[in-house]
């Protein structure tokens, strides 16, 4: 529930501006980044991308304490791009093995945090069309 935790911190911080809350809020952001980094190291690009995106969407890097965070928007964006690339490559490998449904499932995982990626959407459309054509032949 990373999103929920960040929303709660943001709400309380914005309302009350408790000085000692800055450290807890930033520390929570850093711990969540570590979870994403660990998933990335394990090549779980879907989970890592989702968590990086949660941090990015939370707006934590725009807070007045952002200089104390161990990451910034550029880091999060770079990591999300790397996760997208990892999922694209994994999907292509699966696609080349003839596992069209599995490849589509991999690519759809990237859309969770890279919704506007036209390359992924095109790959999904192409593989879906090929899958449908194969089903029509049988």
C-alpha atoms as a PDB file:
ATOM      1  CA  UNK A   1       0.000   0.000   0.000  1.00  0.00           C
ATOM      2  CA  UNK A   2       2.804   2.423  -0.888  1.00  0.00           C
ATOM      3  CA  UNK A   3       0.447   4.819  -2.612  1.00  0.00           C
ATOM      4  CA  UNK A   4      -1.830   4.964   0.403  1.00  0.00           C
ATOM      5  CA  UNK A   5       1.103   5.514   2.795  1.00  0.00           C
ATOM      6  CA  UNK A   6       2.454   8.373   0.686  1.00  0.00           C
ATOM      7  CA  UNK A   7      -1.007   9.937   0.416  1.00  0.00           C
ATOM      8  CA  UNK A   8      -1.441   9.787   4.195  1.00  0.00           C
ATOM      9  CA  UNK A   9       1.938  11.388   4.816  1.00  0.00           C
ATOM     10  CA  UNK A  10       1.213  14.082   2.229  1.00  0.00           C
ATOM     11  CA  UNK A  11      -2.178  14.879   3.727  1.00  0.00           C
ATOM     12  CA  UNK A  12      -0.904  15.191   7.278  1.00  0.00           C
ATOM     13  CA  UNK A  13       2.232  17.053   6.214  1.00  0.00           C
ATOM     14  CA  UNK A  14       0.289  19.541   4.093  1.00  0.00           C
ATOM     15  CA  UNK A  15      -2.261  20.159   6.819  1.00  0.00           C
ATOM     16  CA  UNK A  16      -0.037  20.439   9.883  1.00  0.00           C
ATOM     17  CA  UNK A  17       3.550  20.969   8.631  1.00  0.00           C
ATOM     18  CA  UNK A  18       5.037  19.137  11.594  1.00  0.00           C
ATOM     19  CA  UNK A  19       8.806  19.723  11.335  1.00  0.00           C
ATOM     20  CA  UNK A  20       9.687  16.277  12.677  1.00  0.00           C
ATOM     21  CA  UNK A  21       7.387  14.680  10.112  1.00  0.00           C
ATOM     22  CA  UNK A  22       9.705  15.722   7.286  1.00  0.00           C
ATOM     23  CA  UNK A  23      12.230  13.061   8.227  1.00  0.00           C
ATOM     24  CA  UNK A  24       9.611  10.341   8.527  1.00  0.00           C
ATOM     25  CA  UNK A  25       7.999  11.276   5.220  1.00  0.00           C
ATOM     26  CA  UNK A  26      11.337  11.420   3.392  1.00  0.00           C
ATOM     27  CA  UNK A  27      12.467   8.224   5.114  1.00  0.00           C
ATOM     28  CA  UNK A  28       9.342   6.436   3.966  1.00  0.00           C
ATOM     29  CA  UNK A  29       9.991   7.602   0.410  1.00  0.00           C
ATOM     30  CA  UNK A  30      13.570   6.328   0.616  1.00  0.00           C
ATOM     31  CA  UNK A  31      12.426   2.948   1.968  1.00  0.00           C
ATOM     32  CA  UNK A  32       9.916   2.617  -0.851  1.00  0.00           C
ATOM     33  CA  UNK A  33      12.670   3.453  -3.361  1.00  0.00           C
ATOM     34  CA  UNK A  34      14.783   0.669  -1.843  1.00  0.00           C
ATOM     35  CA  UNK A  35      11.917  -1.781  -2.403  1.00  0.00           C
ATOM     36  CA  UNK A  36      11.756  -0.704  -6.054  1.00  0.00           C
ATOM     37  CA  UNK A  37      15.531  -0.964  -6.407  1.00  0.00           C
ATOM     38  CA  UNK A  38      15.491  -4.484  -4.936  1.00  0.00           C
ATOM     39  CA  UNK A  39      12.788  -5.548  -7.400  1.00  0.00           C
ATOM     40  CA  UNK A  40      14.818  -4.002 -10.223  1.00  0.00           C
ATOM     41  CA  UNK A  41      17.938  -5.906  -9.151  1.00  0.00           C
ATOM     42  CA  UNK A  42      15.901  -9.129  -9.252  1.00  0.00           C
ATOM     43  CA  UNK A  43      14.784  -8.143 -12.769  1.00  0.00           C
ATOM     44  CA  UNK A  44      11.181  -7.905 -11.601  1.00  0.00           C
ATOM     45  CA  UNK A  45      10.688  -4.954 -13.916  1.00  0.00           C
ATOM     46  CA  UNK A  46       6.907  -4.916 -13.595  1.00  0.00           C
ATOM     47  CA  UNK A  47       7.001  -4.506  -9.812  1.00  0.00           C
ATOM     48  CA  UNK A  48       9.942  -2.104  -9.872  1.00  0.00           C
ATOM     49  CA  UNK A  49       8.307   0.090 -12.516  1.00  0.00           C
ATOM     50  CA  UNK A  50       5.030   0.128 -10.615  1.00  0.00           C
ATOM     51  CA  UNK A  51       6.734   1.213  -7.379  1.00  0.00           C
ATOM     52  CA  UNK A  52       8.929   3.835  -9.072  1.00  0.00           C
ATOM     53  CA  UNK A  53       5.792   5.198 -10.718  1.00  0.00           C
ATOM     54  CA  UNK A  54       3.997   5.311  -7.370  1.00  0.00           C
ATOM     55  CA  UNK A  55       6.809   7.463  -5.983  1.00  0.00           C
ATOM     56  CA  UNK A  56       6.810   9.674  -9.073  1.00  0.00           C
ATOM     57  CA  UNK A  57       3.042  10.155  -9.056  1.00  0.00           C
ATOM     58  CA  UNK A  58       3.016  10.882  -5.311  1.00  0.00           C
ATOM     59  CA  UNK A  59       4.781  14.209  -5.825  1.00  0.00           C
ATOM     60  CA  UNK A  60       7.184  13.523  -2.962  1.00  0.00           C
ATOM     61  CA  UNK A  61      10.088  14.943  -4.981  1.00  0.00           C
ATOM     62  CA  UNK A  62       8.350  18.325  -5.194  1.00  0.00           C
ATOM     63  CA  UNK A  63       8.171  18.774  -1.420  1.00  0.00           C
ATOM     64  CA  UNK A  64      10.261  21.329   0.445  1.00  0.00           C
ATOM     65  CA  UNK A  65      12.348  18.492   1.901  1.00  0.00           C
ATOM     66  CA  UNK A  66      13.091  16.843  -1.432  1.00  0.00           C
ATOM     67  CA  UNK A  67      16.779  17.680  -1.156  1.00  0.00           C
ATOM     68  CA  UNK A  68      17.004  15.146   1.672  1.00  0.00           C
ATOM     69  CA  UNK A  69      15.629  12.319  -0.491  1.00  0.00           C
ATOM     70  CA  UNK A  70      17.974   9.755  -2.005  1.00  0.00           C
ATOM     71  CA  UNK A  71      16.295  10.178  -5.412  1.00  0.00           C
ATOM     72  CA  UNK A  72      14.704  12.774  -7.655  1.00  0.00           C
ATOM     73  CA  UNK A  73      12.319  12.780 -10.630  1.00  0.00           C
ATOM     74  CA  UNK A  74      15.163  12.187 -13.094  1.00  0.00           C
ATOM     75  CA  UNK A  75      16.162   9.040 -11.215  1.00  0.00           C
ATOM     76  CA  UNK A  76      12.578   7.746 -11.102  1.00  0.00           C
ATOM     77  CA  UNK A  77      11.974   8.477 -14.785  1.00  0.00           C
ATOM     78  CA  UNK A  78      15.246   6.807 -15.748  1.00  0.00           C
ATOM     79  CA  UNK A  79      14.412   3.726 -13.731  1.00  0.00           C
ATOM     80  CA  UNK A  80      10.910   3.512 -15.202  1.00  0.00           C
ATOM     81  CA  UNK A  81      12.410   3.706 -18.703  1.00  0.00           C
ATOM     82  CA  UNK A  82      14.839   0.929 -17.802  1.00  0.00           C
ATOM     83  CA  UNK A  83      11.941  -1.179 -16.507  1.00  0.00           C
ATOM     84  CA  UNK A  84      10.011  -0.591 -19.719  1.00  0.00           C
ATOM     85  CA  UNK A  85      13.057  -1.652 -21.732  1.00  0.00           C
ATOM     86  CA  UNK A  86      13.441  -4.796 -19.632  1.00  0.00           C
ATOM     87  CA  UNK A  87       9.794  -5.738 -20.142  1.00  0.00           C
ATOM     88  CA  UNK A  88       9.977  -4.985 -23.870  1.00  0.00           C
ATOM     89  CA  UNK A  89      12.993  -7.263 -24.245  1.00  0.00           C
ATOM     90  CA  UNK A  90      11.433  -9.996 -22.133  1.00  0.00           C
ATOM     91  CA  UNK A  91       8.238  -9.799 -24.168  1.00  0.00           C
ATOM     92  CA  UNK A  92      10.181  -9.969 -27.426  1.00  0.00           C
ATOM     93  CA  UNK A  93      12.050 -13.060 -26.279  1.00  0.00           C
ATOM     94  CA  UNK A  94       8.753 -14.687 -25.329  1.00  0.00           C
ATOM     95  CA  UNK A  95       7.201 -13.576 -28.633  1.00  0.00           C
ATOM     96  CA  UNK A  96      10.069 -15.106 -30.635  1.00  0.00           C
ATOM     97  CA  UNK A  97       9.461 -18.387 -28.794  1.00  0.00           C
ATOM     98  CA  UNK A  98       5.938 -18.322 -30.237  1.00  0.00           C
ATOM     99  CA  UNK A  99       4.267 -17.664 -26.887  1.00  0.00           C
ATOM    100  CA  UNK A 100       2.048 -14.827 -28.073  1.00  0.00           C
ATOM    101  CA  UNK A 101      -0.324 -14.745 -25.096  1.00  0.00           C
ATOM    102  CA  UNK A 102       2.600 -14.668 -22.670  1.00  0.00           C
ATOM    103  CA  UNK A 103       4.326 -11.900 -24.623  1.00  0.00           C
ATOM    104  CA  UNK A 104       1.153  -9.815 -24.588  1.00  0.00           C
ATOM    105  CA  UNK A 105       0.857 -10.325 -20.828  1.00  0.00           C
ATOM    106  CA  UNK A 106       4.457  -9.147 -20.314  1.00  0.00           C
ATOM    107  CA  UNK A 107       3.950  -6.031 -22.418  1.00  0.00           C
ATOM    108  CA  UNK A 108       0.703  -5.189 -20.633  1.00  0.00           C
ATOM    109  CA  UNK A 109       2.645  -5.080 -17.370  1.00  0.00           C
ATOM    110  CA  UNK A 110       4.669  -2.170 -18.769  1.00  0.00           C
ATOM    111  CA  UNK A 111       1.488  -0.242 -19.547  1.00  0.00           C
ATOM    112  CA  UNK A 112       0.760  -0.073 -15.820  1.00  0.00           C
ATOM    113  CA  UNK A 113       3.475   2.567 -15.435  1.00  0.00           C
ATOM    114  CA  UNK A 114       4.102   3.572 -19.065  1.00  0.00           C
ATOM    115  CA  UNK A 115       0.528   3.985 -20.258  1.00  0.00           C
ATOM    116  CA  UNK A 116       1.260   6.172 -23.291  1.00  0.00           C
ATOM    117  CA  UNK A 117       4.014   3.998 -24.777  1.00  0.00           C
ATOM    118  CA  UNK A 118       3.016   3.617 -28.428  1.00  0.00           C
ATOM    119  CA  UNK A 119       5.679   1.006 -29.150  1.00  0.00           C
ATOM    120  CA  UNK A 120       4.255  -1.305 -26.490  1.00  0.00           C
ATOM    121  CA  UNK A 121       0.701  -0.716 -27.687  1.00  0.00           C
ATOM    122  CA  UNK A 122       1.741  -1.538 -31.267  1.00  0.00           C
ATOM    123  CA  UNK A 123       3.461  -4.738 -30.140  1.00  0.00           C
ATOM    124  CA  UNK A 124       0.369  -5.789 -28.210  1.00  0.00           C
ATOM    125  CA  UNK A 125      -1.876  -5.008 -31.192  1.00  0.00           C
ATOM    126  CA  UNK A 126       0.357  -6.921 -33.605  1.00  0.00           C
ATOM    127  CA  UNK A 127       0.672  -9.960 -31.363  1.00  0.00           C
ATOM    128  CA  UNK A 128      -3.074  -9.886 -30.615  1.00  0.00           C
ATOM    129  CA  UNK A 129      -3.883  -9.829 -34.327  1.00  0.00           C
ATOM    130  CA  UNK A 130      -1.510 -12.714 -34.979  1.00  0.00           C
ATOM    131  CA  UNK A 131      -2.987 -14.665 -32.090  1.00  0.00           C
ATOM    132  CA  UNK A 132      -6.504 -14.119 -33.409  1.00  0.00           C
ATOM    133  CA  UNK A 133      -5.431 -15.179 -36.915  1.00  0.00           C
ATOM    134  CA  UNK A 134      -3.923 -18.376 -35.525  1.00  0.00           C
ATOM    135  CA  UNK A 135      -7.129 -19.122 -33.627  1.00  0.00           C
ATOM    136  CA  UNK A 136      -9.176 -18.530 -36.797  1.00  0.00           C
ATOM    137  CA  UNK A 137      -7.024 -21.027 -38.728  1.00  0.00           C
ATOM    138  CA  UNK A 138      -7.608 -23.763 -36.146  1.00  0.00           C
END
